[in-house]
Protein backbone atom coordinates (compact mmCIF):
# COMPACT_ATOMS: atom_id res chain seq x y z
CA MET A 1 11.14 -24.72 -8.90
CA PRO A 2 7.40 -24.08 -10.05
CA PRO A 3 7.25 -22.67 -13.59
CA ASP A 4 5.22 -19.73 -12.12
CA HIS A 5 8.06 -17.63 -9.94
CA LEU A 6 6.04 -14.58 -8.86
CA SER A 7 3.15 -16.72 -7.85
CA ALA A 8 5.42 -18.90 -5.36
CA THR A 9 7.75 -15.89 -4.09
CA PHE A 10 4.35 -14.25 -2.83
CA SER A 11 3.00 -17.30 -1.99
CA ALA A 12 6.12 -17.53 0.35
CA LEU A 13 6.42 -13.62 1.14
CA ALA A 14 2.41 -13.88 2.36
CA ASP A 15 3.22 -15.26 5.80
CA PRO A 16 4.77 -12.73 8.26
CA THR A 17 7.22 -15.82 10.26
CA ARG A 18 8.75 -16.18 6.42
CA ARG A 19 9.07 -12.57 6.49
CA ALA A 20 10.97 -12.41 9.67
CA ILE A 21 12.82 -15.11 8.85
CA LEU A 22 13.87 -13.21 5.47
CA ALA A 23 15.02 -10.46 7.31
CA ARG A 24 17.18 -12.16 9.56
CA LEU A 25 18.71 -13.52 6.39
CA ALA A 26 19.66 -10.16 4.87
CA SER A 27 21.75 -9.58 7.91
CA GLY A 28 23.89 -13.12 7.08
CA GLU A 29 23.54 -16.67 7.17
CA ALA A 30 22.05 -18.39 10.23
CA SER A 31 21.70 -22.18 11.16
CA VAL A 32 18.10 -23.36 11.48
CA LYS A 33 18.28 -23.11 15.40
CA GLU A 34 19.52 -19.74 15.43
CA LEU A 35 16.52 -18.83 12.81
CA MET A 36 13.76 -20.52 15.61
CA GLU A 37 14.93 -18.33 18.33
CA PRO A 38 12.36 -15.95 18.00
CA PHE A 39 9.47 -17.65 17.76
CA GLU A 40 7.69 -20.18 19.59
CA MET A 41 7.78 -22.93 17.32
CA THR A 42 8.72 -26.31 17.26
CA PRO A 43 11.95 -27.51 14.55
CA PRO A 44 9.24 -29.18 12.59
CA ALA A 45 7.78 -25.89 12.24
CA ILE A 46 9.93 -23.94 11.45
CA THR A 47 11.21 -26.38 8.96
CA LYS A 48 8.22 -26.52 6.75
CA HIS A 49 8.32 -22.51 6.92
CA LEU A 50 12.10 -23.02 5.30
CA LYS A 51 10.90 -25.61 3.02
CA VAL A 52 8.45 -23.28 1.76
CA LEU A 53 11.32 -20.43 1.16
CA GLU A 54 13.64 -22.92 -0.34
CA ARG A 55 11.01 -24.04 -3.31
CA ALA A 56 10.48 -20.44 -4.02
CA GLY A 57 14.19 -20.34 -4.53
CA LEU A 58 14.26 -17.35 -1.94
CA ILE A 59 16.91 -19.48 0.24
CA THR A 60 19.32 -22.19 -0.30
CA ARG A 61 20.50 -24.27 2.73
CA GLY A 62 23.93 -25.75 2.52
CA ARG A 63 26.49 -27.86 4.95
CA ALA A 64 29.21 -27.47 6.64
CA ALA A 65 29.61 -30.64 8.94
CA GLN A 66 26.76 -30.92 11.44
CA TRP A 67 25.78 -27.21 10.69
CA ARG A 68 23.48 -26.53 7.94
CA PRO A 69 23.36 -22.78 7.36
CA CYS A 70 20.51 -21.45 5.36
CA LYS A 71 21.59 -18.60 3.16
CA LEU A 72 18.47 -15.24 1.78
CA GLU A 73 19.06 -15.67 -2.27
CA ALA A 74 18.14 -12.27 -3.89
CA ARG A 75 17.18 -13.55 -7.70
CA PRO A 76 13.31 -14.15 -7.04
CA LEU A 77 13.54 -10.34 -5.31
CA HIS A 78 14.71 -8.76 -7.64
CA GLU A 79 11.75 -10.19 -10.30
CA VAL A 80 8.86 -8.92 -7.90
CA HIS A 81 11.01 -5.60 -7.60
CA ALA A 82 10.64 -5.73 -11.93
CA TRP A 83 6.71 -6.79 -11.48
CA ILE A 84 6.20 -4.13 -9.32
CA ASP A 85 8.16 -1.51 -11.00
CA GLN A 86 5.96 -2.13 -13.91
CA TYR A 87 2.96 -0.47 -11.89
CA ARG A 88 4.72 2.23 -9.93
CA GLN A 89 6.10 3.61 -13.53
CA PHE A 90 1.91 3.38 -14.23
CA TRP A 91 0.49 4.66 -10.86
CA GLU A 92 3.43 7.84 -11.36
CA ALA A 93 2.64 8.61 -14.77
CA SER A 94 -1.29 9.06 -13.70
CA LEU A 95 -0.29 11.02 -10.67
CA ASP A 96 1.76 13.45 -13.06
CA ARG A 97 -1.21 14.00 -15.77
CA LEU A 98 -3.66 14.52 -12.01
CA GLU A 99 -1.49 16.75 -10.89
CA ASP A 100 -0.88 18.93 -14.51
CA TYR A 101 -4.85 18.56 -14.57
CA LEU A 102 -5.08 20.24 -10.65
CA ARG A 103 -2.31 22.73 -11.75
CA ASP A 104 -4.64 23.64 -14.48
CA LEU A 105 -7.41 23.96 -12.67
CA GLN A 106 -5.96 25.88 -9.85
CA ALA A 107 -5.03 28.59 -12.26
CA LYS A 108 -7.90 28.76 -13.99
CA THR A 109 -9.64 29.25 -10.50
CA GLU A 110 -7.24 31.90 -9.45
CA ASN A 111 -7.52 34.12 -12.39
CA PRO A 112 -11.35 34.19 -13.44
CA LEU A 113 -11.20 36.67 -15.58
CA GLU A 114 -9.64 34.80 -18.04
CA THR A 115 -12.30 32.74 -19.70
CA ASP A 116 -11.59 29.39 -21.91
CA LEU A 117 -13.39 29.57 -25.47
CA THR A 118 -15.87 26.34 -24.65
CA THR A 119 -16.77 28.21 -21.88
CA VAL A 120 -18.45 30.90 -23.75
CA LYS A 121 -21.97 29.72 -24.98
CA THR A 122 -24.36 32.40 -27.18
CA GLN A 123 -27.87 32.52 -26.69
CA THR A 124 -30.01 32.59 -29.35
CA THR A 125 -33.13 33.08 -27.51
CA PRO A 126 -35.05 35.95 -29.28
CA GLN A 127 -36.15 38.73 -27.46
CA LYS A 128 -38.50 41.35 -27.86
CA THR A 129 -37.64 44.89 -28.17
CA PRO A 130 -40.16 47.71 -27.13
CA SER A 131 -41.12 48.42 -30.43
CA GLY A 132 -41.85 45.14 -30.41
CA LYS A 133 -38.65 43.55 -32.86
CA LYS A 134 -36.61 40.62 -31.77
CA ARG A 135 -33.24 40.73 -31.38
CA THR A 136 -30.70 37.64 -30.41
CA ALA A 137 -28.94 38.19 -27.02
CA LYS A 138 -25.58 38.67 -26.57
CA PRO A 139 -23.04 36.01 -25.78
CA ALA A 140 -23.20 34.65 -21.99
CA VAL A 141 -20.28 33.49 -20.06
CA LYS A 142 -20.33 30.12 -18.16
CA LYS A 143 -18.19 29.66 -15.21
């Protein structure tokens, strides 16, 4: 077994034929001949796919007299699931934060009269009165 189980598993899963073989084995054991039926492949070609799956630990092949059944092994798929689950948790947390932000933003646009203190800016530009004295303008509200 290669030291990097995830890479071997992902490499084996990269091929659609191998994924179809795993899908078939999910319903139970099958012989090489049974696995070969849906594909237009030679026996050596299907055997190569089975060897890749076996090296990745995704299947085991047994022997019962003349019958060599292939069986799905779930352990590598559990490892892939655990690895992917870390990223699912990250994305769920990120999307939850985005949802909260959008909800706050929507609430502010629905209630435009309510202002946030950070949006109030005091203008300090002096203006002249008719008598010539300078005065400071009132605070302006930015939207």
